[in-house]
Structure formats: structure tokens, C-alpha cells
Amino acid sequence: MQVFESLRCIQHAPGVQMQEVPPDFYIPDFDEDEQNPDERVDQHTQDKQIQREDEYYDGDNDNDHHMEDS
């Protein structure tokens, strides 16, 4: 019963209208199947191009540089 009384004293969050935001990387005319197969990049190369979000340094400050050499 004490919980309900405490909840009555809390102000509610104001209502906010929701809007869908399109992603920044969306390219409507891009179709991977229509690309020239000789110019496509294989999956392994694509994966190597993705930069990890937990990497803070490049070059000499990088403590993980030995992992890239393997």
C-alpha cells in the first residue's frame, strides 16, 4: 500500500510524439545483385573494413596492434 502512495506523488513523463527517423546510411538505388561480379568485394574484405566501436587508438598508441598482424 505504501508503494502505491509513493507512486501517486511521482510526476509522469510528458507525452512526446514519436517520429520514425531514416538511417543515415540508407541508399535507395543500391542493389548488390546488380553490381559487376568482378568488382564485388568478398565478405572477408568487407568485414576487415568495419571499424570496431571499442577501438580508441590507431598506430603506435594501439595496444592491440599485434592482433592485426596475424
PDB file of N, CA and C in Angstrom:
ATOM      1  N   MET A   1       0.822  -1.181   0.000  1.00  0.00           N
ATOM      2  CA  MET A   1       0.000   0.000   0.000  1.00  0.00           C
ATOM      3  C   MET A   1       0.873   1.255   0.000  1.00  0.00           C
ATOM      4  N   GLN A   2       2.004   1.197   0.666  1.00  0.00           N
ATOM      5  CA  GLN A   2       2.892   2.344   0.734  1.00  0.00           C
ATOM      6  C   GLN A   2       3.506   2.642  -0.646  1.00  0.00           C
ATOM      7  N   VAL A   3       3.714   1.606  -1.446  1.00  0.00           N
ATOM      8  CA  VAL A   3       4.271   1.792  -2.787  1.00  0.00           C
ATOM      9  C   VAL A   3       3.314   2.602  -3.649  1.00  0.00           C
ATOM     10  N   PHE A   4       2.022   2.273  -3.602  1.00  0.00           N
ATOM     11  CA  PHE A   4       1.032   2.999  -4.392  1.00  0.00           C
ATOM     12  C   PHE A   4       0.954   4.467  -3.976  1.00  0.00           C
ATOM     13  N   GLU A   5       1.077   4.736  -2.710  1.00  0.00           N
ATOM     14  CA  GLU A   5       1.055   6.117  -2.240  1.00  0.00           C
ATOM     15  C   GLU A   5       2.282   6.878  -2.728  1.00  0.00           C
ATOM     16  N   SER A   6       3.425   6.206  -2.753  1.00  0.00           N
ATOM     17  CA  SER A   6       4.646   6.842  -3.250  1.00  0.00           C
ATOM     18  C   SER A   6       4.550   7.109  -4.748  1.00  0.00           C
ATOM     19  N   LEU A   7       3.952   6.173  -5.485  1.00  0.00           N
ATOM     20  CA  LEU A   7       3.813   6.348  -6.927  1.00  0.00           C
ATOM     21  C   LEU A   7       2.874   7.498  -7.274  1.00  0.00           C
ATOM     22  N   ARG A   8       1.906   7.769  -6.443  1.00  0.00           N
ATOM     23  CA  ARG A   8       0.984   8.875  -6.690  1.00  0.00           C
ATOM     24  C   ARG A   8       1.693  10.221  -6.633  1.00  0.00           C
ATOM     25  N   CYS A   9       2.755  10.308  -5.870  1.00  0.00           N
ATOM     26  CA  CYS A   9       3.482  11.568  -5.713  1.00  0.00           C
ATOM     27  C   CYS A   9       4.458  11.836  -6.864  1.00  0.00           C
ATOM     28  N   ILE A  10       4.763  10.814  -7.642  1.00  0.00           N
ATOM     29  CA  ILE A  10       5.727  10.960  -8.730  1.00  0.00           C
ATOM     30  C   ILE A  10       5.025  11.568  -9.941  1.00  0.00           C
ATOM     31  N   GLN A  11       5.649  12.580 -10.532  1.00  0.00           N
ATOM     32  CA  GLN A  11       5.079  13.182 -11.737  1.00  0.00           C
ATOM     33  C   GLN A  11       5.336  12.263 -12.926  1.00  0.00           C
ATOM     34  N   HIS A  12       4.402  12.241 -13.837  1.00  0.00           N
ATOM     35  CA  HIS A  12       4.556  11.397 -15.020  1.00  0.00           C
ATOM     36  C   HIS A  12       5.443  12.093 -16.047  1.00  0.00           C
ATOM     37  N   ALA A  13       5.976  11.318 -16.967  1.00  0.00           N
ATOM     38  CA  ALA A  13       6.786  11.878 -18.045  1.00  0.00           C
ATOM     39  C   ALA A  13       5.863  12.523 -19.072  1.00  0.00           C
ATOM     40  N   PRO A  14       6.257  13.646 -19.639  1.00  0.00           N
ATOM     41  CA  PRO A  14       5.401  14.301 -20.634  1.00  0.00           C
ATOM     42  C   PRO A  14       5.302  13.457 -21.900  1.00  0.00           C
ATOM     43  N   GLY A  15       4.157  13.512 -22.549  1.00  0.00           N
ATOM     44  CA  GLY A  15       3.971  12.766 -23.790  1.00  0.00           C
ATOM     45  C   GLY A  15       4.758  13.413 -24.921  1.00  0.00           C
ATOM     46  N   VAL A  16       5.403  12.595 -25.719  1.00  0.00           N
ATOM     47  CA  VAL A  16       6.191  13.080 -26.841  1.00  0.00           C
ATOM     48  C   VAL A  16       5.745  12.337 -28.082  1.00  0.00           C
ATOM     49  N   GLN A  17       5.511  13.076 -29.147  1.00  0.00           N
ATOM     50  CA  GLN A  17       5.109  12.440 -30.390  1.00  0.00           C
ATOM     51  C   GLN A  17       6.305  11.710 -30.980  1.00  0.00           C
ATOM     52  N   MET A  18       6.106  10.456 -31.389  1.00  0.00           N
ATOM     53  CA  MET A  18       7.177   9.647 -31.957  1.00  0.00           C
ATOM     54  C   MET A  18       7.219   9.851 -33.467  1.00  0.00           C
ATOM     55  N   GLN A  19       8.424   9.951 -34.007  1.00  0.00           N
ATOM     56  CA  GLN A  19       8.612  10.059 -35.444  1.00  0.00           C
ATOM     57  C   GLN A  19       9.703   9.095 -35.864  1.00  0.00           C
ATOM     58  N   GLU A  20       9.483   8.410 -36.979  1.00  0.00           N
ATOM     59  CA  GLU A  20      10.497   7.496 -37.487  1.00  0.00           C
ATOM     60  C   GLU A  20      11.573   8.307 -38.190  1.00  0.00           C
ATOM     61  N   VAL A  21      12.829   8.025 -37.854  1.00  0.00           N
ATOM     62  CA  VAL A  21      13.956   8.724 -38.456  1.00  0.00           C
ATOM     63  C   VAL A  21      14.674   7.736 -39.366  1.00  0.00           C
ATOM     64  N   PRO A  22      14.816   8.058 -40.643  1.00  0.00           N
ATOM     65  CA  PRO A  22      15.509   7.126 -41.541  1.00  0.00           C
ATOM     66  C   PRO A  22      16.994   7.063 -41.199  1.00  0.00           C
ATOM     67  N   PRO A  23      17.618   5.917 -41.402  1.00  0.00           N
ATOM     68  CA  PRO A  23      19.051   5.798 -41.106  1.00  0.00           C
ATOM     69  C   PRO A  23      19.873   6.661 -42.058  1.00  0.00           C
ATOM     70  N   ASP A  24      21.042   7.095 -41.615  1.00  0.00           N
ATOM     71  CA  ASP A  24      21.916   7.940 -42.423  1.00  0.00           C
ATOM     72  C   ASP A  24      22.545   7.184 -43.589  1.00  0.00           C
ATOM     73  N   PHE A  25      22.684   5.891 -43.459  1.00  0.00           N
ATOM     74  CA  PHE A  25      23.398   5.117 -44.461  1.00  0.00           C
ATOM     75  C   PHE A  25      22.493   4.534 -45.535  1.00  0.00           C
ATOM     76  N   TYR A  26      21.234   4.855 -45.544  1.00  0.00           N
ATOM     77  CA  TYR A  26      20.289   4.280 -46.495  1.00  0.00           C
ATOM     78  C   TYR A  26      20.547   4.814 -47.901  1.00  0.00           C
ATOM     79  N   ILE A  27      20.768   3.907 -48.848  1.00  0.00           N
ATOM     80  CA  ILE A  27      20.958   4.268 -50.249  1.00  0.00           C
ATOM     81  C   ILE A  27      19.860   3.559 -51.037  1.00  0.00           C
ATOM     82  N   PRO A  28      18.823   4.267 -51.469  1.00  0.00           N
ATOM     83  CA  PRO A  28      17.666   3.606 -52.070  1.00  0.00           C
ATOM     84  C   PRO A  28      17.951   2.899 -53.390  1.00  0.00           C
ATOM     85  N   ASP A  29      18.918   3.374 -54.189  1.00  0.00           N
ATOM     86  CA  ASP A  29      19.163   2.781 -55.504  1.00  0.00           C
ATOM     87  C   ASP A  29      20.247   1.714 -55.484  1.00  0.00           C
ATOM     88  N   PHE A  30      20.777   1.390 -54.333  1.00  0.00           N
ATOM     89  CA  PHE A  30      21.867   0.424 -54.243  1.00  0.00           C
ATOM     90  C   PHE A  30      21.316  -0.993 -54.223  1.00  0.00           C
ATOM     91  N   ASP A  31      21.794  -1.822 -55.132  1.00  0.00           N
ATOM     92  CA  ASP A  31      21.405  -3.229 -55.167  1.00  0.00           C
ATOM     93  C   ASP A  31      22.662  -4.053 -55.423  1.00  0.00           C
ATOM     94  N   GLU A  32      23.058  -4.838 -54.446  1.00  0.00           N
ATOM     95  CA  GLU A  32      24.302  -5.602 -54.543  1.00  0.00           C
ATOM     96  C   GLU A  32      24.270  -6.609 -55.686  1.00  0.00           C
ATOM     97  N   ASP A  33      23.096  -7.146 -55.997  1.00  0.00           N
ATOM     98  CA  ASP A  33      22.988  -8.138 -57.062  1.00  0.00           C
ATOM     99  C   ASP A  33      23.237  -7.542 -58.440  1.00  0.00           C
ATOM    100  N   GLU A  34      23.018  -6.244 -58.599  1.00  0.00           N
ATOM    101  CA  GLU A  34      23.212  -5.606 -59.893  1.00  0.00           C
ATOM    102  C   GLU A  34      24.653  -5.167 -60.122  1.00  0.00           C
ATOM    103  N   GLN A  35      25.495  -5.241 -59.119  1.00  0.00           N
ATOM    104  CA  GLN A  35      26.890  -4.850 -59.284  1.00  0.00           C
ATOM    105  C   GLN A  35      27.616  -5.857 -60.157  1.00  0.00           C
ATOM    106  N   ASN A  36      28.682  -5.400 -60.762  1.00  0.00           N
ATOM    107  CA  ASN A  36      29.516  -6.268 -61.572  1.00  0.00           C
ATOM    108  C   ASN A  36      30.186  -7.286 -60.647  1.00  0.00           C
ATOM    109  N   PRO A  37      30.027  -8.581 -60.912  1.00  0.00           N
ATOM    110  CA  PRO A  37      30.616  -9.596 -60.012  1.00  0.00           C
ATOM    111  C   PRO A  37      32.137  -9.515 -59.932  1.00  0.00           C
ATOM    112  N   ASP A  38      32.777  -8.983 -60.983  1.00  0.00           N
ATOM    113  CA  ASP A  38      34.232  -8.866 -60.962  1.00  0.00           C
ATOM    114  C   ASP A  38      34.697  -7.726 -60.058  1.00  0.00           C
ATOM    115  N   GLU A  39      33.814  -6.780 -59.747  1.00  0.00           N
ATOM    116  CA  GLU A  39      34.174  -5.638 -58.925  1.00  0.00           C
ATOM    117  C   GLU A  39      33.691  -5.774 -57.485  1.00  0.00           C
ATOM    118  N   ARG A  40      32.975  -6.827 -57.166  1.00  0.00           N
ATOM    119  CA  ARG A  40      32.470  -7.014 -55.804  1.00  0.00           C
ATOM    120  C   ARG A  40      33.613  -7.311 -54.843  1.00  0.00           C
ATOM    121  N   VAL A  41      33.415  -6.951 -53.608  1.00  0.00           N
ATOM    122  CA  VAL A  41      34.390  -7.217 -52.556  1.00  0.00           C
ATOM    123  C   VAL A  41      33.892  -8.428 -51.771  1.00  0.00           C
ATOM    124  N   ASP A  42      34.794  -9.381 -51.505  1.00  0.00           N
ATOM    125  CA  ASP A  42      34.364 -10.577 -50.782  1.00  0.00           C
ATOM    126  C   ASP A  42      34.033 -10.246 -49.326  1.00  0.00           C
ATOM    127  N   GLN A  43      33.340 -11.142 -48.649  1.00  0.00           N
ATOM    128  CA  GLN A  43      32.847 -10.902 -47.289  1.00  0.00           C
ATOM    129  C   GLN A  43      33.986 -10.673 -46.300  1.00  0.00           C
ATOM    130  N   HIS A  44      35.085 -11.402 -46.460  1.00  0.00           N
ATOM    131  CA  HIS A  44      36.218 -11.252 -45.539  1.00  0.00           C
ATOM    132  C   HIS A  44      36.800  -9.836 -45.622  1.00  0.00           C
ATOM    133  N   THR A  45      36.929  -9.307 -46.831  1.00  0.00           N
ATOM    134  CA  THR A  45      37.454  -7.956 -47.010  1.00  0.00           C
ATOM    135  C   THR A  45      36.487  -6.922 -46.456  1.00  0.00           C
ATOM    136  N   GLN A  46      35.191  -7.126 -46.645  1.00  0.00           N
ATOM    137  CA  GLN A  46      34.196  -6.214 -46.090  1.00  0.00           C
ATOM    138  C   GLN A  46      34.266  -6.204 -44.567  1.00  0.00           C
ATOM    139  N   ASP A  47      34.424  -7.368 -43.960  1.00  0.00           N
ATOM    140  CA  ASP A  47      34.497  -7.461 -42.504  1.00  0.00           C
ATOM    141  C   ASP A  47      35.734  -6.751 -41.954  1.00  0.00           C
ATOM    142  N   LYS A  48      36.843  -6.793 -42.690  1.00  0.00           N
ATOM    143  CA  LYS A  48      38.058  -6.127 -42.235  1.00  0.00           C
ATOM    144  C   LYS A  48      37.927  -4.610 -42.299  1.00  0.00           C
ATOM    145  N   GLN A  49      37.018  -4.096 -43.128  1.00  0.00           N
ATOM    146  CA  GLN A  49      36.850  -2.650 -43.279  1.00  0.00           C
ATOM    147  C   GLN A  49      35.989  -2.050 -42.177  1.00  0.00           C
ATOM    148  N   ILE A  50      35.282  -2.867 -41.425  1.00  0.00           N
ATOM    149  CA  ILE A  50      34.426  -2.377 -40.351  1.00  0.00           C
ATOM    150  C   ILE A  50      35.295  -2.023 -39.154  1.00  0.00           C
ATOM    151  N   GLN A  51      35.156  -0.801 -38.675  1.00  0.00           N
ATOM    152  CA  GLN A  51      35.938  -0.361 -37.523  1.00  0.00           C
ATOM    153  C   GLN A  51      35.160  -0.649 -36.251  1.00  0.00           C
ATOM    154  N   ARG A  52      35.808  -1.302 -35.318  1.00  0.00           N
ATOM    155  CA  ARG A  52      35.162  -1.633 -34.055  1.00  0.00           C
ATOM    156  C   ARG A  52      34.947  -0.378 -33.237  1.00  0.00           C
ATOM    157  N   GLU A  53      33.817  -0.318 -32.514  1.00  0.00           N
ATOM    158  CA  GLU A  53      33.485   0.848 -31.711  1.00  0.00           C
ATOM    159  C   GLU A  53      34.331   0.946 -30.443  1.00  0.00           C
ATOM    160  N   ASP A  54      34.934  -0.175 -30.019  1.00  0.00           N
ATOM    161  CA  ASP A  54      35.717  -0.134 -28.790  1.00  0.00           C
ATOM    162  C   ASP A  54      37.199   0.154 -29.049  1.00  0.00           C
ATOM    163  N   GLU A  55      37.560   0.504 -30.275  1.00  0.00           N
ATOM    164  CA  GLU A  55      38.933   0.867 -30.595  1.00  0.00           C
ATOM    165  C   GLU A  55      39.085   2.374 -30.444  1.00  0.00           C
ATOM    166  N   TYR A  56      40.049   2.801 -29.657  1.00  0.00           N
ATOM    167  CA  TYR A  56      40.234   4.216 -29.395  1.00  0.00           C
ATOM    168  C   TYR A  56      41.448   4.798 -30.108  1.00  0.00           C
ATOM    169  N   TYR A  57      42.439   3.982 -30.424  1.00  0.00           N
ATOM    170  CA  TYR A  57      43.681   4.489 -30.974  1.00  0.00           C
ATOM    171  C   TYR A  57      44.034   3.765 -32.265  1.00  0.00           C
ATOM    172  N   ASP A  58      44.716   4.482 -33.131  1.00  0.00           N
ATOM    173  CA  ASP A  58      45.334   3.900 -34.316  1.00  0.00           C
ATOM    174  C   ASP A  58      46.835   4.122 -34.195  1.00  0.00           C
ATOM    175  N   GLY A  59      47.594   3.259 -34.797  1.00  0.00           N
ATOM    176  CA  GLY A  59      49.037   3.464 -34.841  1.00  0.00           C
ATOM    177  C   GLY A  59      49.745   3.011 -33.581  1.00  0.00           C
ATOM    178  N   ASP A  60      50.730   3.816 -33.154  1.00  0.00           N
ATOM    179  CA  ASP A  60      51.606   3.444 -32.042  1.00  0.00           C
ATOM    180  C   ASP A  60      50.894   3.377 -30.697  1.00  0.00           C
ATOM    181  N   ASN A  61      49.809   4.116 -30.520  1.00  0.00           N
ATOM    182  CA  ASN A  61      49.088   4.108 -29.246  1.00  0.00           C
ATOM    183  C   ASN A  61      48.208   2.877 -29.078  1.00  0.00           C
ATOM    184  N   ASP A  62      48.044   2.105 -30.125  1.00  0.00           N
ATOM    185  CA  ASP A  62      47.171   0.939 -30.097  1.00  0.00           C
ATOM    186  C   ASP A  62      47.863  -0.211 -29.374  1.00  0.00           C
ATOM    187  N   ASN A  63      47.258  -0.708 -28.308  1.00  0.00           N
ATOM    188  CA  ASN A  63      47.821  -1.836 -27.570  1.00  0.00           C
ATOM    189  C   ASN A  63      47.511  -3.162 -28.239  1.00  0.00           C
ATOM    190  N   ASP A  64      46.576  -3.174 -29.184  1.00  0.00           N
ATOM    191  CA  ASP A  64      46.168  -4.411 -29.848  1.00  0.00           C
ATOM    192  C   ASP A  64      46.826  -4.581 -31.214  1.00  0.00           C
ATOM    193  N   HIS A  65      47.847  -3.817 -31.537  1.00  0.00           N
ATOM    194  CA  HIS A  65      48.410  -3.857 -32.887  1.00  0.00           C
ATOM    195  C   HIS A  65      48.978  -5.226 -33.251  1.00  0.00           C
ATOM    196  N   HIS A  66      49.375  -6.012 -32.271  1.00  0.00           N
ATOM    197  CA  HIS A  66      49.891  -7.347 -32.562  1.00  0.00           C
ATOM    198  C   HIS A  66      48.795  -8.287 -33.055  1.00  0.00           C
ATOM    199  N   MET A  67      47.535  -7.999 -32.746  1.00  0.00           N
ATOM    200  CA  MET A  67      46.429  -8.861 -33.170  1.00  0.00           C
ATOM    201  C   MET A  67      46.170  -8.714 -34.664  1.00  0.00           C
ATOM    202  N   GLU A  68      46.425  -7.538 -35.243  1.00  0.00           N
ATOM    203  CA  GLU A  68      46.185  -7.313 -36.654  1.00  0.00           C
ATOM    204  C   GLU A  68      47.234  -7.992 -37.519  1.00  0.00           C
ATOM    205  N   ASP A  69      48.406  -8.281 -36.959  1.00  0.00           N
ATOM    206  CA  ASP A  69      49.485  -8.877 -37.728  1.00  0.00           C
ATOM    207  C   ASP A  69      49.248 -10.347 -38.019  1.00  0.00           C
ATOM    208  N   SER A  70      48.338 -10.991 -37.312  1.00  0.00           N
ATOM    209  CA  SER A  70      48.132 -12.424 -37.512  1.00  0.00           C
ATOM    210  C   SER A  70      47.237 -12.714 -38.676  1.00  0.00           C
TER     211      SER A  70
END
